[in-house]
Amino acid sequence: MSEPFAPGSISLRAYPHDGLDPVAVLDEMRAQSALAAEHGFAGVMTSEHHGGFAGYLPNPLQLAGFLLDAMPRGWAAPCPLLLPLRPPALVAEEVAWLAARFPGRVGLGVAAGALPVDFEIMGTTMADLTARFSRGLGFVAAALRGEATGALAADPALARCKEHPVPVLSAANSVTAAKRAARGGAGLLFDSLVPPERARALVDAYRSEGGANARVLVRRVWVGEPPRAEFDRQVDVYRGYAPPAAAQQWGSDELITGSGIRGRLHAALDAAGCTALNVRIHVPGVAPNAARAQIERLGAELNEPA
């Protein structure tokens, strides 16, 4: 079992299926995460939106715990968790205690957030978002390295992080964000629409600032004929609320399908200068049985002998 975001690892993004009641949603996600672990995926990542936003749940950290409880092996990480929606000290404590329950099997990725309704629901605003995120990132990354200060340093789970640190990634779509992650001692997370050459430019900026942690590239994949309309519809949703500066850097279509998926994924990883992959097969409209079949087929392709 590798540690979260380990070099060369391939993990799966876990998402809820639409059209199921909440109990069935969680049962299906737990079953798919266990299936992924059984078919060679190193871990699973969960992400966040609020108010019933299609294809997302509001509790990525809690959800990671639900999935770990069902998985025979492997790690889980809320990745990304929207850090400005929560007190950073609370995030650090809760992650550290989850890591104590599942030693060596918990990671964390954080992002600033971009969907206004997420902030509205939580009773806050997007004012000074970059500064709030920057402060929170540095605080949480340090605490999860075992470097909490003041009264928080007395928390035993955070004290444990000095010997058993929890790795942290920061979502990055600009040179400023990449350098911020480096200064904070975090790794990098690139979304599924960032072209490898753009990721490489940000990795270079990260490393120039002394960054030396994991760099994870998310790719959308599908073995066989993909549900193209569903994937395209989801990209349109993202373009509808992403910051224009970020969307301008996206590729036109980063979906990897057809033959030679393993080789093409590793080529993208190398071109991006990243150290690990996270793959996405889920979009709203993909049925549970289709997702399970993809997990099995993709796991077989990625783990077959060279």
Foldseek 3Di string as FASTA:
>chain_A
DAFPLFFPAEAAEFWFAPPDPPVVRLVLSLVLQQLLLVLRHQGYEAEADDDCDPGHDHCRLVSQLSNVVSHPHHAYEHAAHQQLLDDLLVVLLSQLVSCVVVPRRYAYEYELDFDQVRQVVSVHGCPPSVVSVLVSLLQNQCQLCLNHDDPSNPRVSSVVSVVRGHAYEYEDQDLVRLLSCLVSQHEYEYDAFAFLQSLQVSVVSNVVNVRDDAHEYEHEEFEDDAPVVQVVVVVVVCVVGPDPVRVVRGDPDRYYYDPPSQVVVVVSCVSNVGRYYYYYHDGHPQDSVRSSVRSNVVSCVNPPDD
